[in-house]
C-alpha atoms as a PDB file:
ATOM      1  CA  MET A   1      64.946  15.899 122.210  1.00  0.00           C
ATOM      2  CA  ASP A   2      62.244  15.620 119.522  1.00  0.00           C
ATOM      3  CA  LEU A   3      59.730  12.845 118.835  1.00  0.00           C
ATOM      4  CA  ARG A   4      61.930  11.257 116.153  1.00  0.00           C
ATOM      5  CA  GLU A   5      64.811  10.806 118.575  1.00  0.00           C
ATOM      6  CA  ILE A   6      62.576   9.382 121.313  1.00  0.00           C
ATOM      7  CA  LEU A   7      60.830   6.861 119.045  1.00  0.00           C
ATOM      8  CA  ASN A   8      63.794   5.899 116.917  1.00  0.00           C
ATOM      9  CA  PRO A   9      67.095   7.029 118.484  1.00  0.00           C
ATOM     10  CA  GLY A  10      69.771   7.723 115.901  1.00  0.00           C
ATOM     11  CA  HIS A  11      67.484   7.026 112.947  1.00  0.00           C
ATOM     12  CA  GLU A  12      65.065   9.061 110.892  1.00  0.00           C
ATOM     13  CA  LEU A  13      61.404   8.346 111.631  1.00  0.00           C
ATOM     14  CA  ARG A  14      59.848   7.263 108.351  1.00  0.00           C
ATOM     15  CA  ARG A  15      56.282   6.497 109.414  1.00  0.00           C
ATOM     16  CA  LEU A  16      54.183   6.642 112.560  1.00  0.00           C
ATOM     17  CA  VAL A  17      52.083   3.552 111.730  1.00  0.00           C
ATOM     18  CA  PRO A  18      54.184   0.403 111.159  1.00  0.00           C
ATOM     19  CA  ARG A  19      53.510  -1.447 107.938  1.00  0.00           C
ATOM     20  CA  GLN A  20      52.955  -5.172 107.717  1.00  0.00           C
ATOM     21  CA  ARG A  21      54.365  -7.284 104.911  1.00  0.00           C
ATOM     22  CA  ALA A  22      51.914  -8.221 102.194  1.00  0.00           C
ATOM     23  CA  ASP A  23      51.940  -9.983  98.866  1.00  0.00           C
ATOM     24  CA  TRP A  24      48.688  -8.819  97.303  1.00  0.00           C
ATOM     25  CA  LEU A  25      47.922  -8.385  93.640  1.00  0.00           C
ATOM     26  CA  GLY A  26      46.240  -5.135  92.820  1.00  0.00           C
ATOM     27  CA  LEU A  27      45.447  -2.561  90.201  1.00  0.00           C
ATOM     28  CA  TYR A  28      46.186   1.145  90.034  1.00  0.00           C
ATOM     29  CA  MET A  29      45.208   4.019  87.806  1.00  0.00           C
ATOM     30  CA  LEU A  30      47.077   7.308  87.528  1.00  0.00           C
ATOM     31  CA  GLU A  31      44.599  10.128  88.112  1.00  0.00           C
ATOM     32  CA  GLY A  32      44.289  12.390  85.110  1.00  0.00           C
ATOM     33  CA  ASP A  33      45.580   9.708  82.726  1.00  0.00           C
ATOM     34  CA  ALA A  34      43.670  10.302  79.491  1.00  0.00           C
ATOM     35  CA  SER A  35      43.547   6.559  78.740  1.00  0.00           C
ATOM     36  CA  GLY A  36      41.863   5.715  82.070  1.00  0.00           C
ATOM     37  CA  GLN A  37      43.879   2.496  81.946  1.00  0.00           C
ATOM     38  CA  TRP A  38      44.099   0.197  84.996  1.00  0.00           C
ATOM     39  CA  ARG A  39      47.597  -1.220  85.450  1.00  0.00           C
ATOM     40  CA  GLN A  40      48.895  -4.083  87.576  1.00  0.00           C
ATOM     41  CA  CYS A  41      50.713  -3.632  90.860  1.00  0.00           C
ATOM     42  CA  ARG A  42      51.798  -5.685  93.845  1.00  0.00           C
ATOM     43  CA  PHE A  43      51.281  -4.534  97.440  1.00  0.00           C
ATOM     44  CA  VAL A  44      54.473  -5.443  99.318  1.00  0.00           C
ATOM     45  CA  ASP A  45      53.518  -3.851 102.641  1.00  0.00           C
ATOM     46  CA  VAL A  46      50.435  -2.138 104.064  1.00  0.00           C
ATOM     47  CA  SER A  47      49.232  -0.101 107.020  1.00  0.00           C
ATOM     48  CA  SER A  48      46.104   1.869 107.772  1.00  0.00           C
ATOM     49  CA  THR A  49      47.815   4.978 106.357  1.00  0.00           C
ATOM     50  CA  GLY A  50      49.592   3.716 103.238  1.00  0.00           C
ATOM     51  CA  ALA A  51      51.187   0.915 101.286  1.00  0.00           C
ATOM     52  CA  GLY A  52      54.418  -0.040  99.562  1.00  0.00           C
ATOM     53  CA  LEU A  53      53.745  -0.943  95.947  1.00  0.00           C
ATOM     54  CA  VAL A  54      55.600  -2.342  92.961  1.00  0.00           C
ATOM     55  CA  LEU A  55      54.074  -0.556  89.961  1.00  0.00           C
ATOM     56  CA  SER A  56      53.992  -2.129  86.497  1.00  0.00           C
ATOM     57  CA  ASP A  57      53.762  -0.276  83.195  1.00  0.00           C
ATOM     58  CA  THR A  58      54.987   3.141  84.336  1.00  0.00           C
ATOM     59  CA  ASN A  59      58.176   5.083  84.937  1.00  0.00           C
ATOM     60  CA  ARG A  60      59.421   7.619  87.476  1.00  0.00           C
ATOM     61  CA  ASP A  61      58.584  10.658  85.323  1.00  0.00           C
ATOM     62  CA  GLU A  62      55.005   9.502  84.775  1.00  0.00           C
ATOM     63  CA  ALA A  63      54.289   8.462  88.389  1.00  0.00           C
ATOM     64  CA  GLU A  64      56.208  10.820  90.675  1.00  0.00           C
ATOM     65  CA  GLY A  65      53.954  13.165  92.633  1.00  0.00           C
ATOM     66  CA  ARG A  66      50.776  11.828  91.000  1.00  0.00           C
ATOM     67  CA  HIS A  67      47.679  10.664  92.820  1.00  0.00           C
ATOM     68  CA  ILE A  68      46.755   7.067  92.062  1.00  0.00           C
ATOM     69  CA  VAL A  69      43.590   5.054  92.588  1.00  0.00           C
ATOM     70  CA  LEU A  70      44.227   1.607  94.084  1.00  0.00           C
ATOM     71  CA  ALA A  71      42.233  -1.619  93.989  1.00  0.00           C
ATOM     72  CA  VAL A  72      43.204  -4.746  95.927  1.00  0.00           C
ATOM     73  CA  GLN A  73      42.337  -8.114  94.462  1.00  0.00           C
ATOM     74  CA  VAL A  74      41.187 -10.706  97.007  1.00  0.00           C
ATOM     75  CA  GLN A  75      38.918 -13.680  96.505  1.00  0.00           C
ATOM     76  CA  ALA A  76      35.695 -14.225  98.407  1.00  0.00           C
ATOM     77  CA  VAL A  77      32.717 -16.530  98.200  1.00  0.00           C
ATOM     78  CA  VAL A  78      29.155 -15.185  98.351  1.00  0.00           C
ATOM     79  CA  LYS A  79      27.505 -16.544 101.501  1.00  0.00           C
ATOM     80  CA  ASN A  80      24.173 -14.711 101.473  1.00  0.00           C
ATOM     81  CA  LEU A  81      22.251 -12.187  99.420  1.00  0.00           C
ATOM     82  CA  THR A  82      19.605  -9.630 100.314  1.00  0.00           C
ATOM     83  CA  GLU A  83      17.872  -7.166  98.049  1.00  0.00           C
ATOM     84  CA  ASP A  84      16.550  -3.750  99.007  1.00  0.00           C
ATOM     85  CA  ARG A  85      16.016  -0.328  97.423  1.00  0.00           C
ATOM     86  CA  ALA A  86      19.778   0.303  97.308  1.00  0.00           C
ATOM     87  CA  GLY A  87      20.400  -2.878  95.312  1.00  0.00           C
ATOM     88  CA  LEU A  88      21.682  -6.384  95.873  1.00  0.00           C
ATOM     89  CA  ARG A  89      23.819  -6.747  99.001  1.00  0.00           C
ATOM     90  CA  ALA A  90      26.224  -9.682  99.125  1.00  0.00           C
ATOM     91  CA  GLY A  91      27.644 -11.075 102.365  1.00  0.00           C
ATOM     92  CA  THR A  92      30.997 -12.657 101.551  1.00  0.00           C
ATOM     93  CA  GLN A  93      33.759 -14.654 103.187  1.00  0.00           C
ATOM     94  CA  PHE A  94      37.369 -14.221 102.114  1.00  0.00           C
ATOM     95  CA  VAL A  95      38.997 -17.358 100.705  1.00  0.00           C
ATOM     96  CA  GLY A  96      42.585 -18.198  99.843  1.00  0.00           C
ATOM     97  CA  LEU A  97      44.147 -15.501 102.026  1.00  0.00           C
ATOM     98  CA  SER A  98      47.801 -15.934 102.893  1.00  0.00           C
ATOM     99  CA  ASN A  99      48.800 -15.898 106.565  1.00  0.00           C
ATOM    100  CA  LEU A 100      50.091 -12.332 106.126  1.00  0.00           C
ATOM    101  CA  GLU A 101      46.815 -11.142 104.576  1.00  0.00           C
ATOM    102  CA  GLU A 102      44.828 -12.800 107.329  1.00  0.00           C
ATOM    103  CA  GLU A 103      47.052 -11.271 110.034  1.00  0.00           C
ATOM    104  CA  TYR A 104      46.652  -7.812 108.552  1.00  0.00           C
ATOM    105  CA  LEU A 105      42.864  -8.018 108.329  1.00  0.00           C
ATOM    106  CA  LEU A 106      42.710  -9.301 111.921  1.00  0.00           C
ATOM    107  CA  SER A 107      44.921  -6.447 113.101  1.00  0.00           C
ATOM    108  CA  LEU A 108      42.550  -3.941 111.448  1.00  0.00           C
ATOM    109  CA  ALA A 109      39.604  -5.524 113.228  1.00  0.00           C
ATOM    110  CA  ARG A 110      41.405  -5.465 116.595  1.00  0.00           C
ATOM    111  CA  SER A 111      42.460  -1.834 116.217  1.00  0.00           C
ATOM    112  CA  GLY A 112      39.080  -0.640 115.014  1.00  0.00           C
ATOM    113  CA  GLY A 113      40.710   0.419 111.736  1.00  0.00           C
ATOM    114  CA  ARG A 114      38.463   1.843 109.043  1.00  0.00           C
ATOM    115  CA  TRP A 115      39.150   1.658 105.310  1.00  0.00           C
END
């Protein structure tokens, strides 16, 4: 019996790290795209190893097998500022997170996840 059968009897194992639902707005850029254009996307689920996305402004032929750069859009308020040789460092606090976003960020903190 292999690992797939032990962890998920009778079903194909799709991922080792479970994803959590999300509803985050984001941006993506196809690497190597001559235009360097950022396009909109929606994160529908996330884990520490990947995400499910709905991509706007592309098609299967353009996106399949390509590397993409992702940016998540969340709001935060600046709580404190310090300046040093590296530049201006801003301490922020997230605002307006949904319950799902908050749960995911808490789960990363509990698991010691690194991004």
